[in-house]
Amino acid sequence: MGAASWLAEELRALGLKVEIDTFSATIPGRGRAQLRNVMAVVPGRSTQTIVVLAHRDSTAGTAGANDNGSGTAALVELARAYGAPTAAPAPAEAGPDHTVVFLSTDGGAYGALGARRFARASSYAPEVVAAISLDAIASAGRPRLEIAGLGSRSPSPVLVATASARLREQIGTSPERASALAQLLDLAFPFSLYEQAPLLGRGIPAITITTGGARPREEGVGSAQLSTTRLGQVGRAAQSLLASLDAGVELARGTEGSWYMGSRLVQGWALRLLLVALLVPFLVAVVDLALRCRRHRVRLGPAVRSLRARVVFWLGVGVLFEIFALAGAFPQGASAPLNPASEAARHWPRLALAGYLVLVGLGWLALRRRLLRSRAVLPEDELAGAVAALLLLGTLSLLVPLVNTYLLLLLLPSLHAWLWLPQLRARPLALRGAVFLAGLAGPIVLLGSFASRFQIGLDTPWYLAASTAVGSISIELVIVFLTWVAAASQLLTIEAGRYRPSPSRRRQP
């Protein structure tokens, strides 16, 4: 609160109108906290608004000089140019064309809570046509643009191109962006530790300028020294960008998923159309396979019952996890990305997890009892089991666009790889195992991305579990994943020779 009061006084001393928005949020591992957003508003000739923001908090235990003292310092210097002159008042014509809001957010290091609050509750939010976030801008590293947003949204290409041009003028080279693969993953599984993400999720065109990576670079004891040269370059680029946006013609509103391949841009609608087109061959093949099974009188009933039991089991695993979370065994807090350096993200609650896994194991034993063999398993039974699993995957892929069409990026490898499994029943186990593993490419690449890009490492499984507990991973994504796991588990048991079709109740022993 002292930092908020100090900043408010600094901005008032510049002759700016200051507003303070006080709100509260639960930070995982730290409890309920009162937070403050500080806004300095410069009225323009238009109610359309440009926002420059920087969070002023830092991760506990770090100096916070770079993340994000550097962004806060740049924010104050940018606001200074819009302060009232000390001599005589300027004529009205000297004001900006757009209303400009200088926003110092709180809770930025713990899930961009202040930016999320602004996007949801501020009266200025509906009029925002562009937002520039400054975060950790004083490292010696090459400047970088963060463009990933919640809801698989991206800033307008005009905003990205203008920011790139202003940075190139100052540093002599274009800023970095996430790689093409990383951008695809961000569309399929929207996630970012920067403040542009919640703004984009609410349809506000926003970018973050940083000198860190996908995870803000911490500055503390033993870390690299701050680069005043880089701070000056990025600050001047931000000032030039703000002037360009204010002087420009009508800025494009809204957001749309986009994919940047070097200097080329693939629009979101084209990428979604491509994903749907890649889905069609699988759907045609699996329907044809099901019809052939019916023509040859291969019974699908036991296979469907077996698959249904697996779906119920895995959804039950998810429900049990939520029960543990509601009981306080797992982290609780605002539904925002966890700070990877926080205790909640790094501390595995071993006792609670052990109890959870014991209950899951008991449920698995109950499922195995239901799937006891009542007769010898024939090749036709294994074929029926694979067809039932593929039909479930096909149904799931048709429902996924209701959640996020880009999620097909993670599902398509399993669809096209596992479609070959019924054709490879007589082939060596090593070949079938390799094909099954190829179908796991989507989740494996996603886990690897979190471990490397966000520097989470071996804590990645728990980080994703804790994110699910606090609600930053949506329940729809969890249901899609668990249903996919149910189908994958049936195919795995078939390939391992452990498949058990579920007989009808009157035939059960």
Protein backbone atom coordinates (compact mmCIF):
# COMPACT_ATOMS: atom_id res chain seq x y z
CA MET A 1 0.00 0.00 0.00
CA GLY A 2 2.93 2.30 0.64
CA ALA A 3 4.09 1.85 -2.95
CA ALA A 4 0.62 2.68 -4.24
CA SER A 5 0.42 5.84 -2.13
CA TRP A 6 3.90 6.95 -3.20
CA LEU A 7 3.11 6.39 -6.88
CA ALA A 8 -0.20 8.22 -6.60
CA GLU A 9 1.58 11.23 -5.09
CA GLU A 10 4.22 11.17 -7.84
CA LEU A 11 1.56 11.21 -10.53
CA ARG A 12 -0.44 13.95 -8.81
CA ALA A 13 2.74 16.03 -8.61
CA LEU A 14 2.84 15.87 -12.41
CA GLY A 15 -0.59 17.52 -12.52
CA LEU A 16 -2.40 14.34 -13.55
CA LYS A 17 -5.83 13.19 -12.43
CA VAL A 18 -5.30 10.10 -10.29
CA GLU A 19 -7.84 7.38 -9.48
CA ILE A 20 -7.29 4.46 -7.10
CA ASP A 21 -9.23 1.21 -7.42
CA THR A 22 -9.05 -0.96 -4.29
CA PHE A 23 -10.01 -4.62 -4.55
CA SER A 24 -9.20 -7.90 -2.86
CA ALA A 25 -8.11 -11.28 -4.16
CA THR A 26 -6.89 -14.58 -2.78
CA ILE A 27 -3.30 -15.28 -3.78
CA PRO A 28 -2.48 -19.03 -3.67
CA GLY A 29 -0.11 -19.72 -0.81
CA ARG A 30 -0.41 -16.18 0.59
CA GLY A 31 -4.10 -15.82 1.43
CA ARG A 32 -6.49 -12.92 1.04
CA ALA A 33 -4.85 -9.63 0.12
CA GLN A 34 -6.04 -6.09 -0.51
CA LEU A 35 -4.72 -4.76 -3.79
CA ARG A 36 -4.72 -1.35 -5.44
CA ASN A 37 -4.66 -0.21 -9.04
CA VAL A 38 -3.46 3.35 -9.51
CA MET A 39 -4.60 5.19 -12.65
CA ALA A 40 -3.52 8.56 -14.02
CA VAL A 41 -6.00 9.68 -16.66
CA VAL A 42 -5.19 12.18 -19.40
CA PRO A 43 -8.44 13.18 -21.16
CA GLY A 44 -8.23 13.36 -24.94
CA ARG A 45 -10.40 14.71 -27.70
CA SER A 46 -11.80 11.20 -28.11
CA THR A 47 -13.17 8.83 -25.50
CA GLN A 48 -11.27 6.03 -27.22
CA THR A 49 -8.54 5.06 -24.80
CA ILE A 50 -4.92 3.95 -24.98
CA VAL A 51 -3.56 2.29 -21.84
CA VAL A 52 0.06 2.06 -20.73
CA LEU A 53 0.42 -0.30 -17.78
CA ALA A 54 3.06 -1.84 -15.56
CA HIS A 55 2.66 -3.86 -12.38
CA ARG A 56 4.57 -2.51 -9.39
CA ASP A 57 4.68 -5.66 -7.23
CA SER A 58 7.38 -8.31 -7.40
CA THR A 59 7.83 -11.97 -6.49
CA ALA A 60 8.43 -12.47 -2.79
CA GLY A 61 12.12 -12.82 -2.02
CA THR A 62 13.37 -10.92 -5.08
CA ALA A 63 14.67 -7.39 -5.34
CA GLY A 64 12.11 -6.47 -7.96
CA ALA A 65 14.46 -4.01 -9.64
CA ASN A 66 13.82 -5.39 -13.10
CA ASP A 67 10.53 -7.16 -12.50
CA ASN A 68 9.02 -4.74 -12.25
CA GLY A 69 10.75 -1.62 -10.93
CA SER A 70 11.98 -0.99 -14.47
CA GLY A 71 8.46 -1.02 -15.93
CA THR A 72 7.14 1.23 -13.17
CA ALA A 73 9.97 3.73 -13.71
CA ALA A 74 9.25 3.84 -17.44
CA LEU A 75 5.55 4.30 -16.72
CA VAL A 76 6.23 7.38 -14.57
CA GLU A 77 8.57 8.88 -17.18
CA LEU A 78 6.00 8.36 -19.94
CA ALA A 79 3.34 10.01 -17.78
CA ARG A 80 5.67 12.97 -17.15
CA ALA A 81 5.34 14.05 -20.78
CA TYR A 82 1.56 14.37 -20.29
CA GLY A 83 1.74 16.27 -17.01
CA ALA A 84 0.49 19.83 -16.71
CA PRO A 85 3.23 22.45 -17.35
CA THR A 86 4.40 24.41 -14.36
CA ALA A 87 4.11 27.82 -16.03
CA ALA A 88 0.92 28.43 -17.95
CA PRO A 89 -1.83 25.98 -18.85
CA ALA A 90 -1.58 24.60 -22.37
CA PRO A 91 -4.38 25.16 -24.86
CA ALA A 92 -6.87 22.34 -25.36
CA GLU A 93 -5.37 21.57 -28.75
CA ALA A 94 -2.16 20.39 -27.05
CA GLY A 95 -3.90 17.41 -25.47
CA PRO A 96 -3.77 13.90 -26.95
CA ASP A 97 -6.21 12.75 -29.60
CA HIS A 98 -7.11 9.70 -27.50
CA THR A 99 -7.71 9.48 -23.79
CA VAL A 100 -4.53 8.07 -22.25
CA VAL A 101 -4.54 6.00 -19.05
CA PHE A 102 -1.30 5.28 -17.19
CA LEU A 103 -2.13 2.22 -15.10
CA SER A 104 0.00 0.86 -12.27
CA THR A 105 -1.42 -2.56 -11.43
CA ASP A 106 -1.12 -4.66 -8.30
CA GLY A 107 -0.83 -8.45 -8.18
CA GLY A 108 0.89 -8.56 -11.54
CA ALA A 109 3.52 -11.03 -10.37
CA TYR A 110 0.78 -13.39 -9.15
CA GLY A 111 -1.38 -13.92 -12.19
CA ALA A 112 -1.86 -10.38 -13.58
CA LEU A 113 -4.62 -9.77 -11.02
CA GLY A 114 -4.59 -5.99 -11.44
CA ALA A 115 -4.83 -6.17 -15.23
CA ARG A 116 -7.66 -8.67 -14.93
CA ARG A 117 -9.44 -6.35 -12.51
CA PHE A 118 -9.08 -3.41 -14.93
CA ALA A 119 -10.37 -5.44 -17.88
CA ARG A 120 -13.41 -6.63 -15.95
CA ALA A 121 -14.40 -3.68 -13.80
CA SER A 122 -12.95 -0.40 -15.09
CA SER A 123 -15.26 2.06 -16.81
CA TYR A 124 -12.42 2.82 -19.25
CA ALA A 125 -12.07 -0.80 -20.43
CA PRO A 126 -14.90 -0.75 -23.05
CA GLU A 127 -13.24 2.20 -24.80
CA VAL A 128 -9.69 0.82 -24.90
CA VAL A 129 -8.36 0.44 -28.45
CA ALA A 130 -4.77 -0.46 -27.51
CA ALA A 131 -2.81 -1.37 -24.40
CA ILE A 132 0.98 -1.45 -23.89
CA SER A 133 2.34 -3.40 -20.95
CA LEU A 134 5.91 -2.76 -19.75
CA ASP A 135 7.36 -5.66 -17.78
CA ALA A 136 10.99 -6.42 -16.88
CA ILE A 137 12.46 -4.12 -19.54
CA ALA A 138 15.94 -3.52 -18.09
CA SER A 139 17.71 -6.82 -18.74
CA ALA A 140 20.50 -6.91 -21.28
CA GLY A 141 18.54 -9.42 -23.33
CA ARG A 142 16.95 -8.66 -26.66
CA PRO A 143 13.52 -7.00 -26.35
CA ARG A 144 10.59 -9.29 -26.90
CA LEU A 145 6.88 -8.93 -27.66
CA GLU A 146 4.45 -11.12 -25.74
CA ILE A 147 1.21 -11.60 -27.69
CA ALA A 148 -0.44 -14.69 -26.16
CA GLY A 149 -3.87 -14.07 -24.70
CA LEU A 150 -6.56 -15.91 -22.81
CA GLY A 151 -9.32 -17.29 -24.99
CA SER A 152 -6.82 -18.03 -27.80
CA ARG A 153 -6.73 -14.37 -28.78
CA SER A 154 -3.96 -12.22 -30.25
CA PRO A 155 -3.50 -8.46 -30.61
CA SER A 156 -4.27 -6.78 -33.89
CA PRO A 157 -1.50 -7.13 -36.52
CA VAL A 158 -1.32 -3.32 -36.77
CA LEU A 159 -0.44 -3.02 -33.09
CA VAL A 160 2.20 -5.75 -33.32
CA ALA A 161 3.73 -4.28 -36.48
CA THR A 162 3.83 -0.75 -35.04
CA ALA A 163 5.45 -1.93 -31.80
CA SER A 164 8.02 -3.94 -33.76
CA ALA A 165 8.86 -0.93 -35.93
CA ARG A 166 9.35 1.41 -32.95
CA LEU A 167 11.60 -1.11 -31.17
CA ARG A 168 13.59 -1.72 -34.35
CA GLU A 169 14.24 2.01 -34.64
CA GLN A 170 15.81 2.04 -31.17
CA ILE A 171 17.74 -1.24 -31.03
CA GLY A 172 18.54 -1.77 -34.71
CA THR A 173 16.85 -5.17 -34.95
CA SER A 174 13.35 -6.55 -34.71
CA PRO A 175 12.14 -7.73 -31.30
CA GLU A 176 11.74 -11.41 -30.58
CA ARG A 177 8.42 -13.22 -30.50
CA ALA A 178 7.48 -16.71 -29.42
CA SER A 179 8.44 -19.35 -31.97
CA ALA A 180 5.86 -20.61 -34.46
CA LEU A 181 5.42 -23.83 -32.44
CA ALA A 182 5.08 -21.91 -29.17
CA GLN A 183 2.42 -19.67 -30.74
CA LEU A 184 0.44 -22.73 -31.80
CA LEU A 185 0.64 -24.11 -28.27
CA ASP A 186 -0.49 -20.75 -26.88
CA LEU A 187 -3.55 -20.90 -29.13
CA ALA A 188 -4.35 -24.51 -28.24
CA PHE A 189 -3.65 -24.05 -24.51
CA PRO A 190 -3.90 -20.30 -23.76
CA PHE A 191 -1.39 -19.36 -21.07
CA SER A 192 0.85 -16.40 -20.30
CA LEU A 193 2.53 -14.93 -17.24
CA TYR A 194 2.30 -11.39 -18.62
CA GLU A 195 -0.42 -8.77 -18.28
CA GLN A 196 -1.52 -8.62 -21.90
CA ALA A 197 -3.21 -12.04 -21.50
CA PRO A 198 -6.29 -11.06 -19.42
CA LEU A 199 -6.74 -7.90 -21.50
CA LEU A 200 -6.75 -9.89 -24.72
CA GLY A 201 -9.14 -12.35 -23.09
CA ARG A 202 -11.63 -9.49 -22.71
CA GLY A 203 -11.21 -8.37 -26.32
CA ILE A 204 -8.74 -5.52 -25.65
CA PRO A 205 -5.82 -5.35 -28.15
CA ALA A 206 -2.72 -5.53 -25.94
CA ILE A 207 0.95 -6.42 -26.09
CA THR A 208 3.72 -6.71 -23.52
CA ILE A 209 7.22 -5.36 -24.14
CA THR A 210 9.84 -7.18 -22.09
CA THR A 211 13.50 -8.13 -22.11
CA GLY A 212 12.76 -11.44 -20.39
CA GLY A 213 11.61 -14.71 -21.90
CA ALA A 214 8.23 -16.41 -21.65
CA ARG A 215 8.78 -16.04 -17.91
CA PRO A 216 9.81 -12.59 -16.60
CA ARG A 217 13.51 -12.50 -15.77
CA GLU A 218 14.11 -12.11 -12.07
CA GLU A 219 16.83 -9.80 -10.82
CA GLY A 220 18.24 -10.59 -7.40
CA VAL A 221 21.39 -11.57 -5.62
CA GLY A 222 23.85 -13.04 -8.11
CA SER A 223 21.77 -12.16 -11.16
CA ALA A 224 22.76 -10.02 -14.10
CA GLN A 225 23.01 -6.30 -13.52
CA LEU A 226 20.35 -3.99 -14.86
CA SER A 227 21.11 -2.48 -18.25
CA THR A 228 20.44 1.26 -18.22
CA THR A 229 21.13 1.29 -21.96
CA ARG A 230 18.39 -1.26 -22.63
CA LEU A 231 16.02 0.52 -20.25
CA GLY A 232 16.50 3.76 -22.16
CA GLN A 233 16.04 2.09 -25.54
CA VAL A 234 12.83 0.32 -24.55
CA GLY A 235 11.52 3.43 -22.79
CA ARG A 236 12.06 5.59 -25.88
CA ALA A 237 10.47 2.92 -28.06
CA ALA A 238 7.41 2.83 -25.77
CA GLN A 239 7.17 6.62 -25.90
CA SER A 240 7.37 6.58 -29.70
CA LEU A 241 4.82 3.76 -29.86
CA LEU A 242 2.38 5.68 -27.68
CA ALA A 243 2.76 8.76 -29.87
CA SER A 244 2.25 6.71 -33.05
CA LEU A 245 -0.90 5.06 -31.71
CA ASP A 246 -2.31 8.37 -30.53
CA ALA A 247 -1.63 10.09 -33.84
CA GLY A 248 -2.84 7.18 -35.96
CA VAL A 249 -6.19 6.73 -37.61
CA GLU A 250 -8.92 4.63 -36.04
CA LEU A 251 -7.30 1.66 -34.33
CA ALA A 252 -8.74 -1.79 -34.90
CA ARG A 253 -10.79 -3.07 -31.99
CA GLY A 254 -11.30 -6.65 -30.95
CA THR A 255 -8.90 -9.57 -31.00
CA GLU A 256 -8.51 -12.66 -33.15
CA GLY A 257 -6.18 -15.61 -32.91
CA SER A 258 -3.24 -15.15 -35.28
CA TRP A 259 -0.12 -17.13 -36.13
CA TYR A 260 3.08 -15.30 -37.05
CA MET A 261 5.53 -17.23 -39.23
CA GLY A 262 8.45 -14.87 -39.46
CA SER A 263 7.20 -11.87 -41.40
CA ARG A 264 4.07 -13.68 -42.56
CA LEU A 265 0.75 -13.74 -40.76
CA VAL A 266 -1.79 -16.57 -40.86
CA GLN A 267 -5.23 -15.38 -39.83
CA GLY A 268 -7.07 -17.35 -37.18
CA TRP A 269 -9.98 -18.31 -39.43
CA ALA A 270 -7.58 -19.88 -41.94
CA LEU A 271 -5.84 -21.88 -39.23
CA ARG A 272 -9.16 -23.11 -37.83
CA LEU A 273 -10.31 -24.11 -41.30
CA LEU A 274 -7.10 -26.09 -41.79
CA LEU A 275 -7.59 -27.92 -38.48
CA VAL A 276 -11.15 -28.89 -39.41
CA ALA A 277 -9.95 -30.09 -42.81
CA LEU A 278 -7.32 -32.28 -41.12
CA LEU A 279 -10.06 -33.77 -38.95
CA VAL A 280 -12.26 -34.89 -41.85
CA PRO A 281 -10.12 -37.86 -43.06
CA PHE A 282 -10.09 -39.35 -39.55
CA LEU A 283 -13.85 -39.03 -39.19
CA VAL A 284 -14.50 -40.64 -42.57
CA ALA A 285 -12.14 -43.53 -41.81
CA VAL A 286 -13.47 -44.26 -38.32
CA VAL A 287 -17.11 -44.19 -39.46
CA ASP A 288 -16.22 -46.56 -42.31
CA LEU A 289 -14.45 -48.85 -39.82
CA ALA A 290 -17.50 -48.89 -37.55
CA LEU A 291 -19.80 -49.72 -40.46
CA ARG A 292 -17.54 -52.56 -41.52
CA CYS A 293 -17.66 -53.97 -38.00
CA ARG A 294 -21.43 -53.89 -38.10
CA ARG A 295 -21.50 -55.51 -41.53
CA HIS A 296 -19.32 -58.36 -40.27
CA ARG A 297 -21.35 -58.60 -37.05
CA VAL A 298 -18.57 -57.60 -34.74
CA ARG A 299 -20.34 -56.81 -31.46
CA LEU A 300 -19.56 -53.32 -30.16
CA GLY A 301 -21.77 -53.53 -27.05
CA PRO A 302 -19.18 -55.04 -24.64
CA ALA A 303 -16.52 -52.65 -25.94
CA VAL A 304 -18.78 -49.63 -25.41
CA ARG A 305 -19.58 -50.78 -21.87
CA SER A 306 -15.88 -51.20 -21.14
CA LEU A 307 -15.15 -47.74 -22.50
CA ARG A 308 -18.05 -46.24 -20.56
CA ALA A 309 -16.62 -47.66 -17.33
CA ARG A 310 -13.28 -46.04 -18.12
CA VAL A 311 -14.88 -42.68 -18.88
CA VAL A 312 -16.79 -42.79 -15.60
CA PHE A 313 -13.60 -43.71 -13.74
CA TRP A 314 -11.49 -40.90 -15.20
CA LEU A 315 -14.20 -38.29 -14.75
CA GLY A 316 -14.46 -39.55 -11.18
CA VAL A 317 -10.71 -38.94 -10.83
CA GLY A 318 -11.35 -35.33 -11.82
CA VAL A 319 -14.30 -34.96 -9.43
CA LEU A 320 -12.23 -36.41 -6.57
CA PHE A 321 -9.47 -33.89 -7.34
CA GLU A 322 -11.96 -31.03 -7.11
CA ILE A 323 -13.25 -32.39 -3.79
CA PHE A 324 -9.71 -32.39 -2.39
CA ALA A 325 -9.22 -28.84 -3.70
CA LEU A 326 -12.46 -27.60 -2.13
CA ALA A 327 -11.44 -29.25 1.14
CA GLY A 328 -8.25 -27.15 1.15
CA ALA A 329 -5.84 -30.02 0.48
CA PHE A 330 -4.61 -28.28 -2.68
CA PRO A 331 -3.94 -24.57 -3.34
CA GLN A 332 -6.86 -22.16 -3.45
CA GLY A 333 -7.04 -18.68 -4.85
CA ALA A 334 -7.93 -16.48 -7.78
CA SER A 335 -8.37 -18.26 -11.10
CA ALA A 336 -5.19 -16.80 -12.55
CA PRO A 337 -1.83 -18.27 -13.63
CA LEU A 338 0.33 -19.26 -10.68
CA ASN A 339 3.67 -17.57 -10.19
CA PRO A 340 6.14 -20.43 -10.95
CA ALA A 341 8.43 -19.17 -8.18
CA SER A 342 5.69 -19.17 -5.54
CA GLU A 343 5.37 -21.74 -2.79
CA ALA A 344 2.02 -22.94 -4.17
CA ALA A 345 3.64 -23.80 -7.52
CA ARG A 346 6.77 -25.49 -6.15
CA HIS A 347 5.55 -27.24 -3.00
CA TRP A 348 4.02 -30.67 -3.59
CA PRO A 349 1.53 -31.47 -0.77
CA ARG A 350 2.83 -35.02 -0.42
CA LEU A 351 0.42 -36.21 2.26
CA ALA A 352 -2.67 -34.93 0.42
CA LEU A 353 -1.43 -36.33 -2.89
CA ALA A 354 -0.73 -39.71 -1.25
CA GLY A 355 -4.28 -39.85 0.10
CA TYR A 356 -5.67 -38.83 -3.27
CA LEU A 357 -3.66 -41.49 -5.12
CA VAL A 358 -4.75 -44.17 -2.65
CA LEU A 359 -8.40 -43.38 -3.35
CA VAL A 360 -7.73 -43.34 -7.10
CA GLY A 361 -6.04 -46.74 -6.78
CA LEU A 362 -9.04 -48.17 -4.93
CA GLY A 363 -11.29 -46.88 -7.68
CA TRP A 364 -9.06 -48.52 -10.28
CA LEU A 365 -9.29 -51.86 -8.44
CA ALA A 366 -13.08 -51.57 -8.47
CA LEU A 367 -12.97 -50.90 -12.22
CA ARG A 368 -10.74 -53.92 -12.83
CA ARG A 369 -13.20 -56.09 -10.95
CA ARG A 370 -15.99 -54.92 -13.24
CA LEU A 371 -13.87 -55.70 -16.30
CA LEU A 372 -13.01 -59.28 -15.30
CA ARG A 373 -12.93 -61.65 -18.22
CA SER A 374 -16.07 -63.75 -18.59
CA ARG A 375 -14.64 -65.62 -21.59
CA ALA A 376 -11.56 -65.73 -23.77
CA VAL A 377 -10.87 -62.47 -25.60
CA LEU A 378 -11.07 -62.89 -29.36
CA PRO A 379 -9.40 -60.69 -31.99
CA GLU A 380 -12.88 -59.42 -32.82
CA ASP A 381 -13.25 -58.19 -29.22
CA GLU A 382 -10.00 -56.25 -29.45
CA LEU A 383 -11.07 -54.75 -32.76
CA ALA A 384 -14.39 -53.70 -31.23
CA GLY A 385 -12.57 -52.14 -28.27
CA ALA A 386 -10.36 -50.08 -30.59
CA VAL A 387 -13.31 -48.99 -32.72
CA ALA A 388 -15.25 -47.87 -29.64
CA ALA A 389 -12.28 -45.82 -28.43
CA LEU A 390 -11.80 -44.24 -31.87
CA LEU A 391 -15.50 -43.39 -32.07
CA LEU A 392 -15.23 -41.64 -28.70
CA LEU A 393 -12.21 -39.69 -29.94
CA GLY A 394 -14.14 -38.71 -33.06
CA THR A 395 -17.10 -37.51 -30.99
CA LEU A 396 -14.75 -35.61 -28.71
CA SER A 397 -13.08 -33.91 -31.68
CA LEU A 398 -16.48 -32.73 -32.92
CA LEU A 399 -17.27 -31.20 -29.54
CA VAL A 400 -13.85 -29.59 -29.00
CA PRO A 401 -14.62 -26.57 -31.28
CA LEU A 402 -17.32 -25.61 -28.77
CA VAL A 403 -14.49 -25.07 -26.27
CA ASN A 404 -11.52 -24.08 -28.44
CA THR A 405 -11.00 -25.09 -32.07
CA TYR A 406 -7.23 -24.69 -31.71
CA LEU A 407 -7.27 -27.51 -29.14
CA LEU A 408 -7.45 -29.85 -32.14
CA LEU A 409 -3.73 -29.14 -32.54
CA LEU A 410 -3.12 -31.32 -29.47
CA LEU A 411 -5.70 -33.97 -30.42
CA LEU A 412 -4.90 -34.51 -34.10
CA PRO A 413 -1.66 -36.51 -33.54
CA SER A 414 -3.54 -39.09 -31.48
CA LEU A 415 -6.42 -39.28 -33.96
CA HIS A 416 -4.29 -39.95 -37.01
CA ALA A 417 -1.72 -42.17 -35.28
CA TRP A 418 -4.14 -44.37 -33.35
CA LEU A 419 -6.34 -44.87 -36.40
CA TRP A 420 -3.61 -47.25 -37.63
CA LEU A 421 -3.64 -49.44 -34.52
CA PRO A 422 -6.43 -51.81 -35.70
CA GLN A 423 -4.43 -52.35 -38.91
CA LEU A 424 -1.28 -53.26 -36.98
CA ARG A 425 -2.63 -55.98 -34.70
CA ALA A 426 -0.45 -58.64 -36.33
CA ARG A 427 2.67 -56.47 -36.37
CA PRO A 428 5.49 -56.54 -33.76
CA LEU A 429 4.77 -55.03 -30.36
CA ALA A 430 7.58 -52.47 -30.79
CA LEU A 431 5.92 -51.03 -33.90
CA ARG A 432 2.52 -50.83 -32.23
CA GLY A 433 4.08 -49.22 -29.19
CA ALA A 434 5.82 -46.61 -31.33
CA VAL A 435 2.53 -45.75 -33.07
CA PHE A 436 0.78 -45.43 -29.71
CA LEU A 437 3.53 -43.15 -28.40
CA ALA A 438 3.28 -41.02 -31.54
CA GLY A 439 -0.33 -40.34 -30.59
CA LEU A 440 0.86 -38.86 -27.30
CA ALA A 441 2.85 -36.16 -29.11
CA GLY A 442 0.40 -33.36 -28.31
CA PRO A 443 0.44 -33.66 -24.49
CA ILE A 444 4.17 -34.47 -24.46
CA VAL A 445 5.05 -31.34 -26.44
CA LEU A 446 2.79 -29.27 -24.18
CA LEU A 447 4.47 -30.61 -21.02
CA GLY A 448 7.89 -30.00 -22.53
CA SER A 449 6.91 -26.47 -23.43
CA PHE A 450 5.89 -25.66 -19.86
CA ALA A 451 9.01 -27.27 -18.46
CA SER A 452 11.39 -25.36 -20.74
CA ARG A 453 9.72 -22.11 -21.81
CA PHE A 454 8.46 -21.22 -18.36
CA GLN A 455 11.45 -22.78 -16.57
CA ILE A 456 9.28 -25.00 -14.38
CA GLY A 457 11.21 -28.22 -14.99
CA LEU A 458 10.20 -31.34 -13.08
CA ASP A 459 7.56 -29.38 -11.17
CA THR A 460 5.47 -29.11 -14.35
CA PRO A 461 2.96 -31.91 -13.48
CA TRP A 462 2.24 -30.36 -10.09
CA TYR A 463 2.16 -26.84 -11.57
CA LEU A 464 -0.60 -27.89 -13.99
CA ALA A 465 -2.44 -29.73 -11.22
CA ALA A 466 -2.26 -26.70 -8.93
CA SER A 467 -3.42 -24.47 -11.79
CA THR A 468 -6.42 -26.75 -12.18
CA ALA A 469 -7.11 -26.54 -8.44
CA VAL A 470 -7.27 -22.72 -8.48
CA GLY A 471 -9.33 -22.68 -11.69
CA SER A 472 -6.89 -21.07 -14.10
CA ILE A 473 -7.32 -24.17 -16.29
CA SER A 474 -10.98 -24.31 -17.26
CA ILE A 475 -13.22 -27.21 -16.32
CA GLU A 476 -14.02 -27.72 -20.02
CA LEU A 477 -10.35 -28.39 -20.79
CA VAL A 478 -10.16 -30.81 -17.85
CA ILE A 479 -13.19 -32.76 -19.11
CA VAL A 480 -11.75 -32.95 -22.63
CA PHE A 481 -8.43 -34.21 -21.27
CA LEU A 482 -9.96 -36.85 -18.98
CA THR A 483 -12.22 -38.17 -21.75
CA TRP A 484 -9.22 -38.38 -24.05
CA VAL A 485 -7.30 -40.29 -21.35
CA ALA A 486 -10.20 -42.76 -21.05
CA ALA A 487 -10.04 -43.56 -24.77
CA ALA A 488 -6.24 -43.73 -24.65
CA SER A 489 -6.33 -46.15 -21.70
CA GLN A 490 -8.60 -48.55 -23.60
CA LEU A 491 -6.29 -48.52 -26.62
CA LEU A 492 -3.28 -49.04 -24.34
CA THR A 493 -4.81 -52.10 -22.67
CA ILE A 494 -5.55 -53.57 -26.11
CA GLU A 495 -1.97 -53.09 -27.29
CA ALA A 496 -0.65 -54.50 -24.00
CA GLY A 497 -2.86 -57.59 -24.27
CA ARG A 498 -4.77 -56.67 -21.10
CA TYR A 499 -8.08 -55.66 -22.66
CA ARG A 500 -11.23 -56.92 -20.97
CA PRO A 501 -14.59 -56.25 -22.66
CA SER A 502 -17.35 -55.60 -20.19
CA PRO A 503 -20.12 -58.21 -20.36
CA SER A 504 -23.74 -57.31 -19.83
CA ARG A 505 -25.01 -57.49 -16.25
CA ARG A 506 -26.74 -60.84 -16.73
CA ARG A 507 -23.48 -62.34 -18.05
CA GLN A 508 -21.22 -60.96 -15.35
CA PRO A 509 -19.81 -63.56 -12.92
